[in-house]
Amino acid sequence: MPPKLSRSAAYDWREHRRGRRELADVALGERLEGIPDHTPGTDGWPRVQRALRREGICVGGERVARVMRRRGSSGRYLCKRTRTAVSDEEAKTVDLLERAFGAETVELDRWPPGSRILAG
C-alpha cells in the first residue's frame, strides 16, 4: 500500500530533480564498473579507492564505500570467525584435578608449608 501523500507533495515529487551529489555518485558508480582488475563483490573500498586514485580520480573512502554499498558490490570477508566458546549455563565441566578454589580452601596436603619450586 503506497504511503498517503498530500496532493502538493505528490506534484513536488513528480517534478523532483536529482542533486549534484546524487548525479556525481551515479557517475562514480558507473566508473567503478570500468576499473580494470575489479571483481564485483570481492574488492573492498580501499582497493577500489586506490585504483581510482591511480587513474587521477580523487574521492574519499567513505564516499566510495557508500556508492559501492548502494550498488550492492561490497567487499567479501576472507576469513570467517569461528565461535569457540559455548555459552550454555547448564553445561558443567568436570574438574579432573579436583581443584578447590576460594579464599577458605587451603590444600595443605598437596603443598605443605615451606615447599618451594626451584627453578634452574
PDB file of N, CA and C in Angstrom:
ATOM      1  N   MET A   1       0.851  -1.175   0.000  1.00  0.00           N
ATOM      2  CA  MET A   1       0.000   0.000   0.000  1.00  0.00           C
ATOM      3  C   MET A   1       0.897   1.240   0.000  1.00  0.00           C
ATOM      4  N   PRO A   2       0.764   2.118  -0.960  1.00  0.00           N
ATOM      5  CA  PRO A   2       1.612   3.302  -1.014  1.00  0.00           C
ATOM      6  C   PRO A   2       1.282   4.253   0.132  1.00  0.00           C
ATOM      7  N   PRO A   3       2.286   4.991   0.570  1.00  0.00           N
ATOM      8  CA  PRO A   3       2.010   5.949   1.652  1.00  0.00           C
ATOM      9  C   PRO A   3       1.093   7.061   1.166  1.00  0.00           C
ATOM     10  N   LYS A   4       0.320   7.579   2.069  1.00  0.00           N
ATOM     11  CA  LYS A   4      -0.607   8.647   1.714  1.00  0.00           C
ATOM     12  C   LYS A   4       0.142   9.970   1.691  1.00  0.00           C
ATOM     13  N   LEU A   5       0.103  10.617   0.542  1.00  0.00           N
ATOM     14  CA  LEU A   5       0.753  11.900   0.369  1.00  0.00           C
ATOM     15  C   LEU A   5      -0.290  12.963   0.080  1.00  0.00           C
ATOM     16  N   SER A   6       0.071  14.159   0.445  1.00  0.00           N
ATOM     17  CA  SER A   6      -0.811  15.260   0.067  1.00  0.00           C
ATOM     18  C   SER A   6      -0.640  15.520  -1.430  1.00  0.00           C
ATOM     19  N   ARG A   7      -1.589  16.176  -2.002  1.00  0.00           N
ATOM     20  CA  ARG A   7      -1.539  16.437  -3.442  1.00  0.00           C
ATOM     21  C   ARG A   7      -0.320  17.296  -3.802  1.00  0.00           C
ATOM     22  N   SER A   8      -0.012  18.289  -2.967  1.00  0.00           N
ATOM     23  CA  SER A   8       1.124  19.160  -3.270  1.00  0.00           C
ATOM     24  C   SER A   8       2.444  18.393  -3.175  1.00  0.00           C
ATOM     25  N   ALA A   9       2.556  17.454  -2.231  1.00  0.00           N
ATOM     26  CA  ALA A   9       3.778  16.662  -2.115  1.00  0.00           C
ATOM     27  C   ALA A   9       3.943  15.741  -3.312  1.00  0.00           C
ATOM     28  N   ALA A  10       2.843  15.213  -3.815  1.00  0.00           N
ATOM     29  CA  ALA A  10       2.916  14.346  -4.988  1.00  0.00           C
ATOM     30  C   ALA A  10       3.381  15.131  -6.211  1.00  0.00           C
ATOM     31  N   TYR A  11       2.897  16.349  -6.395  1.00  0.00           N
ATOM     32  CA  TYR A  11       3.333  17.175  -7.519  1.00  0.00           C
ATOM     33  C   TYR A  11       4.803  17.578  -7.362  1.00  0.00           C
ATOM     34  N   ASP A  12       5.203  17.879  -6.129  1.00  0.00           N
ATOM     35  CA  ASP A  12       6.603  18.227  -5.890  1.00  0.00           C
ATOM     36  C   ASP A  12       7.510  17.050  -6.224  1.00  0.00           C
ATOM     37  N   TRP A  13       7.106  15.858  -5.830  1.00  0.00           N
ATOM     38  CA  TRP A  13       7.921  14.675  -6.088  1.00  0.00           C
ATOM     39  C   TRP A  13       7.980  14.369  -7.594  1.00  0.00           C
ATOM     40  N   ARG A  14       6.909  14.607  -8.302  1.00  0.00           N
ATOM     41  CA  ARG A  14       6.887  14.335  -9.728  1.00  0.00           C
ATOM     42  C   ARG A  14       7.868  15.235 -10.475  1.00  0.00           C
ATOM     43  N   GLU A  15       8.033  16.452  -9.992  1.00  0.00           N
ATOM     44  CA  GLU A  15       8.946  17.388 -10.625  1.00  0.00           C
ATOM     45  C   GLU A  15      10.328  17.391  -9.989  1.00  0.00           C
ATOM     46  N   HIS A  16      10.596  16.379  -9.195  1.00  0.00           N
ATOM     47  CA  HIS A  16      11.873  16.292  -8.481  1.00  0.00           C
ATOM     48  C   HIS A  16      13.039  16.093  -9.449  1.00  0.00           C
ATOM     49  N   ARG A  17      14.101  16.818  -9.207  1.00  0.00           N
ATOM     50  CA  ARG A  17      15.327  16.664  -9.987  1.00  0.00           C
ATOM     51  C   ARG A  17      16.426  16.191  -9.062  1.00  0.00           C
ATOM     52  N   ARG A  18      17.300  15.379  -9.607  1.00  0.00           N
ATOM     53  CA  ARG A  18      18.411  14.872  -8.806  1.00  0.00           C
ATOM     54  C   ARG A  18      19.401  15.997  -8.518  1.00  0.00           C
ATOM     55  N   GLY A  19      20.012  15.910  -7.341  1.00  0.00           N
ATOM     56  CA  GLY A  19      21.010  16.905  -6.954  1.00  0.00           C
ATOM     57  C   GLY A  19      22.374  16.591  -7.557  1.00  0.00           C
ATOM     58  N   ARG A  20      23.309  17.534  -7.375  1.00  0.00           N
ATOM     59  CA  ARG A  20      24.664  17.352  -7.912  1.00  0.00           C
ATOM     60  C   ARG A  20      25.347  16.133  -7.317  1.00  0.00           C
ATOM     61  N   ARG A  21      25.216  15.960  -6.011  1.00  0.00           N
ATOM     62  CA  ARG A  21      25.893  14.850  -5.342  1.00  0.00           C
ATOM     63  C   ARG A  21      25.344  13.515  -5.817  1.00  0.00           C
ATOM     64  N   GLU A  22      24.033  13.424  -5.947  1.00  0.00           N
ATOM     65  CA  GLU A  22      23.425  12.179  -6.407  1.00  0.00           C
ATOM     66  C   GLU A  22      23.853  11.860  -7.838  1.00  0.00           C
ATOM     67  N   LEU A  23      23.915  12.857  -8.691  1.00  0.00           N
ATOM     68  CA  LEU A  23      24.371  12.643 -10.067  1.00  0.00           C
ATOM     69  C   LEU A  23      25.843  12.246 -10.104  1.00  0.00           C
ATOM     70  N   ALA A  24      26.652  12.866  -9.236  1.00  0.00           N
ATOM     71  CA  ALA A  24      28.070  12.520  -9.183  1.00  0.00           C
ATOM     72  C   ALA A  24      28.255  11.091  -8.662  1.00  0.00           C
ATOM     73  N   ASP A  25      27.422  10.678  -7.707  1.00  0.00           N
ATOM     74  CA  ASP A  25      27.507   9.310  -7.198  1.00  0.00           C
ATOM     75  C   ASP A  25      27.121   8.298  -8.268  1.00  0.00           C
ATOM     76  N   VAL A  26      26.134   8.620  -9.083  1.00  0.00           N
ATOM     77  CA  VAL A  26      25.744   7.719 -10.171  1.00  0.00           C
ATOM     78  C   VAL A  26      26.890   7.589 -11.168  1.00  0.00           C
ATOM     79  N   ALA A  27      27.528   8.709 -11.492  1.00  0.00           N
ATOM     80  CA  ALA A  27      28.658   8.671 -12.423  1.00  0.00           C
ATOM     81  C   ALA A  27      29.829   7.896 -11.832  1.00  0.00           C
ATOM     82  N   LEU A  28      30.065   8.064 -10.534  1.00  0.00           N
ATOM     83  CA  LEU A  28      31.137   7.314  -9.874  1.00  0.00           C
ATOM     84  C   LEU A  28      30.826   5.827  -9.862  1.00  0.00           C
ATOM     85  N   GLY A  29      29.556   5.476  -9.632  1.00  0.00           N
ATOM     86  CA  GLY A  29      29.167   4.068  -9.649  1.00  0.00           C
ATOM     87  C   GLY A  29      29.378   3.434 -11.009  1.00  0.00           C
ATOM     88  N   GLU A  30      29.084   4.183 -12.076  1.00  0.00           N
ATOM     89  CA  GLU A  30      29.334   3.660 -13.416  1.00  0.00           C
ATOM     90  C   GLU A  30      30.834   3.538 -13.676  1.00  0.00           C
ATOM     91  N   ARG A  31      31.607   4.444 -13.083  1.00  0.00           N
ATOM     92  CA  ARG A  31      33.067   4.397 -13.249  1.00  0.00           C
ATOM     93  C   ARG A  31      33.650   3.190 -12.506  1.00  0.00           C
ATOM     94  N   LEU A  32      33.019   2.796 -11.410  1.00  0.00           N
ATOM     95  CA  LEU A  32      33.514   1.640 -10.655  1.00  0.00           C
ATOM     96  C   LEU A  32      33.477   0.366 -11.484  1.00  0.00           C
ATOM     97  N   GLU A  33      32.491   0.266 -12.358  1.00  0.00           N
ATOM     98  CA  GLU A  33      32.391  -0.930 -13.194  1.00  0.00           C
ATOM     99  C   GLU A  33      33.499  -0.993 -14.232  1.00  0.00           C
ATOM    100  N   GLY A  34      34.075   0.153 -14.580  1.00  0.00           N
ATOM    101  CA  GLY A  34      35.108   0.183 -15.604  1.00  0.00           C
ATOM    102  C   GLY A  34      36.518   0.036 -15.075  1.00  0.00           C
ATOM    103  N   ILE A  35      36.670  -0.195 -13.791  1.00  0.00           N
ATOM    104  CA  ILE A  35      38.012  -0.338 -13.220  1.00  0.00           C
ATOM    105  C   ILE A  35      38.586  -1.690 -13.633  1.00  0.00           C
ATOM    106  N   PRO A  36      39.787  -1.707 -14.223  1.00  0.00           N
ATOM    107  CA  PRO A  36      40.387  -2.993 -14.572  1.00  0.00           C
ATOM    108  C   PRO A  36      40.767  -3.763 -13.305  1.00  0.00           C
ATOM    109  N   ASP A  37      40.725  -5.061 -13.382  1.00  0.00           N
ATOM    110  CA  ASP A  37      41.036  -5.967 -12.262  1.00  0.00           C
ATOM    111  C   ASP A  37      40.080  -5.797 -11.094  1.00  0.00           C
ATOM    112  N   HIS A  38      38.898  -5.264 -11.349  1.00  0.00           N
ATOM    113  CA  HIS A  38      37.910  -5.120 -10.278  1.00  0.00           C
ATOM    114  C   HIS A  38      36.857  -6.201 -10.449  1.00  0.00           C
ATOM    115  N   THR A  39      36.770  -7.055  -9.465  1.00  0.00           N
ATOM    116  CA  THR A  39      35.770  -8.106  -9.478  1.00  0.00           C
ATOM    117  C   THR A  39      34.655  -7.700  -8.536  1.00  0.00           C
ATOM    118  N   PRO A  40      33.460  -7.437  -9.039  1.00  0.00           N
ATOM    119  CA  PRO A  40      32.375  -7.007  -8.158  1.00  0.00           C
ATOM    120  C   PRO A  40      32.076  -8.058  -7.091  1.00  0.00           C
ATOM    121  N   GLY A  41      31.962  -7.588  -5.867  1.00  0.00           N
ATOM    122  CA  GLY A  41      31.644  -8.484  -4.772  1.00  0.00           C
ATOM    123  C   GLY A  41      32.854  -9.006  -4.036  1.00  0.00           C
ATOM    124  N   THR A  42      34.066  -8.748  -4.560  1.00  0.00           N
ATOM    125  CA  THR A  42      35.243  -9.250  -3.864  1.00  0.00           C
ATOM    126  C   THR A  42      36.173  -8.132  -3.422  1.00  0.00           C
ATOM    127  N   ASP A  43      36.234  -7.034  -4.161  1.00  0.00           N
ATOM    128  CA  ASP A  43      37.131  -5.944  -3.797  1.00  0.00           C
ATOM    129  C   ASP A  43      36.456  -5.034  -2.792  1.00  0.00           C
ATOM    130  N   GLY A  44      37.192  -4.654  -1.759  1.00  0.00           N
ATOM    131  CA  GLY A  44      36.680  -3.719  -0.776  1.00  0.00           C
ATOM    132  C   GLY A  44      36.944  -2.288  -1.206  1.00  0.00           C
ATOM    133  N   TRP A  45      36.407  -1.338  -0.445  1.00  0.00           N
ATOM    134  CA  TRP A  45      36.530   0.058  -0.838  1.00  0.00           C
ATOM    135  C   TRP A  45      37.963   0.568  -0.826  1.00  0.00           C
ATOM    136  N   PRO A  46      38.883   0.089   0.058  1.00  0.00           N
ATOM    137  CA  PRO A  46      40.242   0.613  -0.008  1.00  0.00           C
ATOM    138  C   PRO A  46      40.939   0.290  -1.334  1.00  0.00           C
ATOM    139  N   ARG A  47      40.751  -0.913  -1.838  1.00  0.00           N
ATOM    140  CA  ARG A  47      41.369  -1.298  -3.105  1.00  0.00           C
ATOM    141  C   ARG A  47      40.769  -0.514  -4.267  1.00  0.00           C
ATOM    142  N   VAL A  48      39.470  -0.323  -4.233  1.00  0.00           N
ATOM    143  CA  VAL A  48      38.805   0.435  -5.301  1.00  0.00           C
ATOM    144  C   VAL A  48      39.236   1.893  -5.239  1.00  0.00           C
ATOM    145  N   GLN A  49      39.362   2.452  -4.041  1.00  0.00           N
ATOM    146  CA  GLN A  49      39.790   3.839  -3.908  1.00  0.00           C
ATOM    147  C   GLN A  49      41.216   4.018  -4.430  1.00  0.00           C
ATOM    148  N   ARG A  50      42.101   3.069  -4.144  1.00  0.00           N
ATOM    149  CA  ARG A  50      43.469   3.156  -4.671  1.00  0.00           C
ATOM    150  C   ARG A  50      43.473   3.107  -6.187  1.00  0.00           C
ATOM    151  N   ALA A  51      42.640   2.245  -6.767  1.00  0.00           N
ATOM    152  CA  ALA A  51      42.573   2.158  -8.227  1.00  0.00           C
ATOM    153  C   ALA A  51      42.072   3.461  -8.835  1.00  0.00           C
ATOM    154  N   LEU A  52      41.088   4.088  -8.185  1.00  0.00           N
ATOM    155  CA  LEU A  52      40.580   5.360  -8.685  1.00  0.00           C
ATOM    156  C   LEU A  52      41.641   6.456  -8.585  1.00  0.00           C
ATOM    157  N   ARG A  53      42.389   6.459  -7.491  1.00  0.00           N
ATOM    158  CA  ARG A  53      43.425   7.481  -7.331  1.00  0.00           C
ATOM    159  C   ARG A  53      44.546   7.304  -8.343  1.00  0.00           C
ATOM    160  N   ARG A  54      44.855   6.048  -8.679  1.00  0.00           N
ATOM    161  CA  ARG A  54      45.869   5.803  -9.712  1.00  0.00           C
ATOM    162  C   ARG A  54      45.431   6.366 -11.058  1.00  0.00           C
ATOM    163  N   GLU A  55      44.123   6.409 -11.272  1.00  0.00           N
ATOM    164  CA  GLU A  55      43.599   6.952 -12.528  1.00  0.00           C
ATOM    165  C   GLU A  55      43.350   8.451 -12.453  1.00  0.00           C
ATOM    166  N   GLY A  56      43.671   9.068 -11.322  1.00  0.00           N
ATOM    167  CA  GLY A  56      43.540  10.509 -11.194  1.00  0.00           C
ATOM    168  C   GLY A  56      42.214  10.978 -10.648  1.00  0.00           C
ATOM    169  N   ILE A  57      41.366  10.079 -10.195  1.00  0.00           N
ATOM    170  CA  ILE A  57      40.072  10.454  -9.612  1.00  0.00           C
ATOM    171  C   ILE A  57      40.233  10.451  -8.102  1.00  0.00           C
ATOM    172  N   CYS A  58      40.177  11.618  -7.495  1.00  0.00           N
ATOM    173  CA  CYS A  58      40.404  11.744  -6.059  1.00  0.00           C
ATOM    174  C   CYS A  58      39.059  11.793  -5.340  1.00  0.00           C
ATOM    175  N   VAL A  59      38.723  10.703  -4.675  1.00  0.00           N
ATOM    176  CA  VAL A  59      37.480  10.631  -3.903  1.00  0.00           C
ATOM    177  C   VAL A  59      37.801  10.047  -2.535  1.00  0.00           C
ATOM    178  N   GLY A  60      36.960  10.349  -1.574  1.00  0.00           N
ATOM    179  CA  GLY A  60      37.150   9.857  -0.221  1.00  0.00           C
ATOM    180  C   GLY A  60      36.697   8.411  -0.072  1.00  0.00           C
ATOM    181  N   GLY A  61      37.235   7.768   0.944  1.00  0.00           N
ATOM    182  CA  GLY A  61      36.921   6.368   1.183  1.00  0.00           C
ATOM    183  C   GLY A  61      35.476   6.133   1.575  1.00  0.00           C
ATOM    184  N   GLU A  62      34.920   7.048   2.384  1.00  0.00           N
ATOM    185  CA  GLU A  62      33.534   6.876   2.810  1.00  0.00           C
ATOM    186  C   GLU A  62      32.576   6.999   1.624  1.00  0.00           C
ATOM    187  N   ARG A  63      32.927   7.885   0.691  1.00  0.00           N
ATOM    188  CA  ARG A  63      32.074   8.043  -0.483  1.00  0.00           C
ATOM    189  C   ARG A  63      32.127   6.805  -1.362  1.00  0.00           C
ATOM    190  N   VAL A  64      33.340   6.262  -1.552  1.00  0.00           N
ATOM    191  CA  VAL A  64      33.479   5.038  -2.343  1.00  0.00           C
ATOM    192  C   VAL A  64      32.701   3.909  -1.683  1.00  0.00           C
ATOM    193  N   ALA A  65      32.812   3.790  -0.352  1.00  0.00           N
ATOM    194  CA  ALA A  65      32.095   2.737   0.368  1.00  0.00           C
ATOM    195  C   ALA A  65      30.584   2.910   0.229  1.00  0.00           C
ATOM    196  N   ARG A  66      30.106   4.151   0.309  1.00  0.00           N
ATOM    197  CA  ARG A  66      28.668   4.406   0.194  1.00  0.00           C
ATOM    198  C   ARG A  66      28.156   4.038  -1.189  1.00  0.00           C
ATOM    199  N   VAL A  67      28.890   4.435  -2.229  1.00  0.00           N
ATOM    200  CA  VAL A  67      28.461   4.139  -3.594  1.00  0.00           C
ATOM    201  C   VAL A  67      28.486   2.634  -3.835  1.00  0.00           C
ATOM    202  N   MET A  68      29.519   1.962  -3.336  1.00  0.00           N
ATOM    203  CA  MET A  68      29.597   0.506  -3.506  1.00  0.00           C
ATOM    204  C   MET A  68      28.449  -0.184  -2.774  1.00  0.00           C
ATOM    205  N   ARG A  69      28.146   0.308  -1.574  1.00  0.00           N
ATOM    206  CA  ARG A  69      27.066  -0.298  -0.785  1.00  0.00           C
ATOM    207  C   ARG A  69      25.720  -0.134  -1.486  1.00  0.00           C
ATOM    208  N   ARG A  70      25.483   1.055  -2.069  1.00  0.00           N
ATOM    209  CA  ARG A  70      24.216   1.282  -2.769  1.00  0.00           C
ATOM    210  C   ARG A  70      24.103   0.443  -4.030  1.00  0.00           C
ATOM    211  N   ARG A  71      25.236   0.161  -4.660  1.00  0.00           N
ATOM    212  CA  ARG A  71      25.230  -0.650  -5.876  1.00  0.00           C
ATOM    213  C   ARG A  71      25.281  -2.148  -5.558  1.00  0.00           C
ATOM    214  N   GLY A  72      25.475  -2.493  -4.290  1.00  0.00           N
ATOM    215  CA  GLY A  72      25.482  -3.898  -3.895  1.00  0.00           C
ATOM    216  C   GLY A  72      26.790  -4.609  -4.176  1.00  0.00           C
ATOM    217  N   SER A  73      27.895  -3.873  -4.317  1.00  0.00           N
ATOM    218  CA  SER A  73      29.179  -4.528  -4.557  1.00  0.00           C
ATOM    219  C   SER A  73      30.132  -4.193  -3.429  1.00  0.00           C
ATOM    220  N   SER A  74      29.878  -4.773  -2.286  1.00  0.00           N
ATOM    221  CA  SER A  74      30.775  -4.556  -1.156  1.00  0.00           C
ATOM    222  C   SER A  74      31.793  -5.684  -1.105  1.00  0.00           C
ATOM    223  N   GLY A  75      32.835  -5.478  -0.338  1.00  0.00           N
ATOM    224  CA  GLY A  75      33.912  -6.464  -0.260  1.00  0.00           C
ATOM    225  C   GLY A  75      33.476  -7.738   0.437  1.00  0.00           C
ATOM    226  N   ARG A  76      34.291  -8.770   0.255  1.00  0.00           N
ATOM    227  CA  ARG A  76      33.996 -10.070   0.838  1.00  0.00           C
ATOM    228  C   ARG A  76      34.971 -10.313   1.977  1.00  0.00           C
ATOM    229  N   TYR A  77      34.489 -10.921   3.036  1.00  0.00           N
ATOM    230  CA  TYR A  77      35.351 -11.272   4.147  1.00  0.00           C
ATOM    231  C   TYR A  77      36.118 -12.532   3.781  1.00  0.00           C
ATOM    232  N   LEU A  78      37.434 -12.451   3.913  1.00  0.00           N
ATOM    233  CA  LEU A  78      38.249 -13.594   3.516  1.00  0.00           C
ATOM    234  C   LEU A  78      38.259 -14.687   4.577  1.00  0.00           C
ATOM    235  N   CYS A  79      38.189 -14.297   5.836  1.00  0.00           N
ATOM    236  CA  CYS A  79      38.200 -15.317   6.879  1.00  0.00           C
ATOM    237  C   CYS A  79      36.905 -15.209   7.678  1.00  0.00           C
ATOM    238  N   LYS A  80      36.422 -16.337   8.068  1.00  0.00           N
ATOM    239  CA  LYS A  80      35.193 -16.383   8.840  1.00  0.00           C
ATOM    240  C   LYS A  80      35.560 -16.622  10.292  1.00  0.00           C
ATOM    241  N   ARG A  81      35.010 -15.850  11.163  1.00  0.00           N
ATOM    242  CA  ARG A  81      35.297 -16.047  12.578  1.00  0.00           C
ATOM    243  C   ARG A  81      34.561 -17.280  13.081  1.00  0.00           C
ATOM    244  N   THR A  82      35.286 -18.094  13.790  1.00  0.00           N
ATOM    245  CA  THR A  82      34.665 -19.273  14.370  1.00  0.00           C
ATOM    246  C   THR A  82      34.415 -19.009  15.844  1.00  0.00           C
ATOM    247  N   ARG A  83      33.332 -19.514  16.313  1.00  0.00           N
ATOM    248  CA  ARG A  83      32.963 -19.318  17.702  1.00  0.00           C
ATOM    249  C   ARG A  83      33.433 -20.522  18.495  1.00  0.00           C
ATOM    250  N   THR A  84      34.284 -20.272  19.468  1.00  0.00           N
ATOM    251  CA  THR A  84      34.858 -21.381  20.216  1.00  0.00           C
ATOM    252  C   THR A  84      34.242 -21.558  21.594  1.00  0.00           C
ATOM    253  N   ALA A  85      33.661 -20.535  22.140  1.00  0.00           N
ATOM    254  CA  ALA A  85      33.087 -20.633  23.475  1.00  0.00           C
ATOM    255  C   ALA A  85      31.613 -21.004  23.383  1.00  0.00           C
ATOM    256  N   VAL A  86      31.205 -21.898  24.229  1.00  0.00           N
ATOM    257  CA  VAL A  86      29.811 -22.298  24.291  1.00  0.00           C
ATOM    258  C   VAL A  86      29.195 -21.609  25.502  1.00  0.00           C
ATOM    259  N   SER A  87      28.181 -20.814  25.279  1.00  0.00           N
ATOM    260  CA  SER A  87      27.575 -20.080  26.379  1.00  0.00           C
ATOM    261  C   SER A  87      26.320 -20.798  26.861  1.00  0.00           C
ATOM    262  N   ASP A  88      26.509 -22.011  27.332  1.00  0.00           N
ATOM    263  CA  ASP A  88      25.400 -22.786  27.871  1.00  0.00           C
ATOM    264  C   ASP A  88      25.563 -22.836  29.382  1.00  0.00           C
ATOM    265  N   GLU A  89      24.646 -22.227  30.106  1.00  0.00           N
ATOM    266  CA  GLU A  89      24.776 -22.151  31.553  1.00  0.00           C
ATOM    267  C   GLU A  89      24.587 -23.505  32.221  1.00  0.00           C
ATOM    268  N   GLU A  90      23.876 -24.394  31.577  1.00  0.00           N
ATOM    269  CA  GLU A  90      23.640 -25.698  32.173  1.00  0.00           C
ATOM    270  C   GLU A  90      24.789 -26.676  31.925  1.00  0.00           C
ATOM    271  N   ALA A  91      25.680 -26.325  31.020  1.00  0.00           N
ATOM    272  CA  ALA A  91      26.808 -27.204  30.736  1.00  0.00           C
ATOM    273  C   ALA A  91      27.792 -27.137  31.898  1.00  0.00           C
ATOM    274  N   LYS A  92      28.117 -28.273  32.449  1.00  0.00           N
ATOM    275  CA  LYS A  92      29.054 -28.343  33.564  1.00  0.00           C
ATOM    276  C   LYS A  92      30.310 -29.043  33.090  1.00  0.00           C
ATOM    277  N   THR A  93      31.430 -28.518  33.509  1.00  0.00           N
ATOM    278  CA  THR A  93      32.694 -29.149  33.174  1.00  0.00           C
ATOM    279  C   THR A  93      33.160 -29.982  34.350  1.00  0.00           C
ATOM    280  N   VAL A  94      33.840 -31.036  34.050  1.00  0.00           N
ATOM    281  CA  VAL A  94      34.337 -31.931  35.089  1.00  0.00           C
ATOM    282  C   VAL A  94      35.742 -31.492  35.464  1.00  0.00           C
ATOM    283  N   ASP A  95      35.985 -31.318  36.765  1.00  0.00           N
ATOM    284  CA  ASP A  95      37.299 -30.932  37.247  1.00  0.00           C
ATOM    285  C   ASP A  95      38.085 -32.207  37.525  1.00  0.00           C
ATOM    286  N   LEU A  96      38.912 -32.599  36.579  1.00  0.00           N
ATOM    287  CA  LEU A  96      39.650 -33.849  36.703  1.00  0.00           C
ATOM    288  C   LEU A  96      40.768 -33.772  37.732  1.00  0.00           C
ATOM    289  N   LEU A  97      41.253 -32.601  38.049  1.00  0.00           N
ATOM    290  CA  LEU A  97      42.332 -32.451  39.029  1.00  0.00           C
ATOM    291  C   LEU A  97      41.796 -32.263  40.441  1.00  0.00           C
ATOM    292  N   GLU A  98      40.515 -32.192  40.598  1.00  0.00           N
ATOM    293  CA  GLU A  98      39.843 -31.991  41.885  1.00  0.00           C
ATOM    294  C   GLU A  98      40.413 -30.774  42.614  1.00  0.00           C
ATOM    295  N   ARG A  99      40.422 -29.668  41.899  1.00  0.00           N
ATOM    296  CA  ARG A  99      40.958 -28.441  42.467  1.00  0.00           C
ATOM    297  C   ARG A  99      39.909 -27.769  43.332  1.00  0.00           C
ATOM    298  N   ALA A 100      40.368 -27.050  44.313  1.00  0.00           N
ATOM    299  CA  ALA A 100      39.480 -26.299  45.186  1.00  0.00           C
ATOM    300  C   ALA A 100      39.872 -24.832  45.080  1.00  0.00           C
ATOM    301  N   PHE A 101      38.909 -23.989  44.717  1.00  0.00           N
ATOM    302  CA  PHE A 101      39.172 -22.566  44.561  1.00  0.00           C
ATOM    303  C   PHE A 101      38.419 -21.802  45.628  1.00  0.00           C
ATOM    304  N   GLY A 102      39.018 -20.743  46.109  1.00  0.00           N
ATOM    305  CA  GLY A 102      38.362 -19.888  47.075  1.00  0.00           C
ATOM    306  C   GLY A 102      39.343 -19.475  48.155  1.00  0.00           C
ATOM    307  N   ALA A 103      38.953 -18.469  48.947  1.00  0.00           N
ATOM    308  CA  ALA A 103      39.834 -17.964  49.993  1.00  0.00           C
ATOM    309  C   ALA A 103      39.875 -18.912  51.179  1.00  0.00           C
ATOM    310  N   GLU A 104      38.820 -19.662  51.402  1.00  0.00           N
ATOM    311  CA  GLU A 104      38.752 -20.531  52.574  1.00  0.00           C
ATOM    312  C   GLU A 104      39.454 -21.864  52.339  1.00  0.00           C
ATOM    313  N   THR A 105      39.673 -22.224  51.117  1.00  0.00           N
ATOM    314  CA  THR A 105      40.232 -23.547  50.831  1.00  0.00           C
ATOM    315  C   THR A 105      41.749 -23.466  50.750  1.00  0.00           C
ATOM    316  N   VAL A 106      42.378 -24.208  51.607  1.00  0.00           N
ATOM    317  CA  VAL A 106      43.841 -24.300  51.611  1.00  0.00           C
ATOM    318  C   VAL A 106      44.171 -25.774  51.480  1.00  0.00           C
ATOM    319  N   GLU A 107      44.990 -26.107  50.534  1.00  0.00           N
ATOM    320  CA  GLU A 107      45.330 -27.500  50.290  1.00  0.00           C
ATOM    321  C   GLU A 107      46.705 -27.796  50.888  1.00  0.00           C
ATOM    322  N   LEU A 108      46.719 -28.067  52.172  1.00  0.00           N
ATOM    323  CA  LEU A 108      47.984 -28.331  52.849  1.00  0.00           C
ATOM    324  C   LEU A 108      48.536 -29.700  52.513  1.00  0.00           C
ATOM    325  N   ASP A 109      47.651 -30.641  52.162  1.00  0.00           N
ATOM    326  CA  ASP A 109      48.155 -31.971  51.876  1.00  0.00           C
ATOM    327  C   ASP A 109      48.885 -32.021  50.535  1.00  0.00           C
ATOM    328  N   ARG A 110      48.558 -31.141  49.620  1.00  0.00           N
ATOM    329  CA  ARG A 110      49.249 -31.129  48.323  1.00  0.00           C
ATOM    330  C   ARG A 110      50.499 -30.266  48.364  1.00  0.00           C
ATOM    331  N   TRP A 111      50.391 -29.109  48.974  1.00  0.00           N
ATOM    332  CA  TRP A 111      51.505 -28.182  49.024  1.00  0.00           C
ATOM    333  C   TRP A 111      51.786 -27.841  50.487  1.00  0.00           C
ATOM    334  N   PRO A 112      52.630 -28.601  51.107  1.00  0.00           N
ATOM    335  CA  PRO A 112      52.907 -28.313  52.522  1.00  0.00           C
ATOM    336  C   PRO A 112      53.632 -26.974  52.671  1.00  0.00           C
ATOM    337  N   PRO A 113      53.455 -26.323  53.832  1.00  0.00           N
ATOM    338  CA  PRO A 113      54.096 -25.035  54.051  1.00  0.00           C
ATOM    339  C   PRO A 113      55.618 -25.178  53.962  1.00  0.00           C
ATOM    340  N   GLY A 114      56.232 -24.214  53.349  1.00  0.00           N
ATOM    341  CA  GLY A 114      57.676 -24.206  53.233  1.00  0.00           C
ATOM    342  C   GLY A 114      58.184 -24.902  51.983  1.00  0.00           C
ATOM    343  N   SER A 115      57.310 -25.537  51.220  1.00  0.00           N
ATOM    344  CA  SER A 115      57.797 -26.184  49.999  1.00  0.00           C
ATOM    345  C   SER A 115      57.971 -25.137  48.921  1.00  0.00           C
ATOM    346  N   ARG A 116      59.012 -25.328  48.148  1.00  0.00           N
ATOM    347  CA  ARG A 116      59.323 -24.360  47.115  1.00  0.00           C
ATOM    348  C   ARG A 116      59.584 -25.099  45.807  1.00  0.00           C
ATOM    349  N   ILE A 117      59.287 -24.406  44.744  1.00  0.00           N
ATOM    350  CA  ILE A 117      59.613 -24.968  43.434  1.00  0.00           C
ATOM    351  C   ILE A 117      60.895 -24.265  43.002  1.00  0.00           C
ATOM    352  N   LEU A 118      61.922 -25.058  42.781  1.00  0.00           N
ATOM    353  CA  LEU A 118      63.207 -24.481  42.407  1.00  0.00           C
ATOM    354  C   LEU A 118      63.304 -24.387  40.903  1.00  0.00           C
ATOM    355  N   ALA A 119      63.617 -23.229  40.455  1.00  0.00           N
ATOM    356  CA  ALA A 119      63.788 -23.023  39.026  1.00  0.00           C
ATOM    357  C   ALA A 119      65.286 -22.967  38.720  1.00  0.00           C
ATOM    358  N   GLY A 120      65.692 -23.655  37.699  1.00  0.00           N
ATOM    359  CA  GLY A 120      67.111 -23.782  37.378  1.00  0.00           C
ATOM    360  C   GLY A 120      67.608 -22.671  36.630  1.00  0.00           C
TER     361      GLY A 120
END
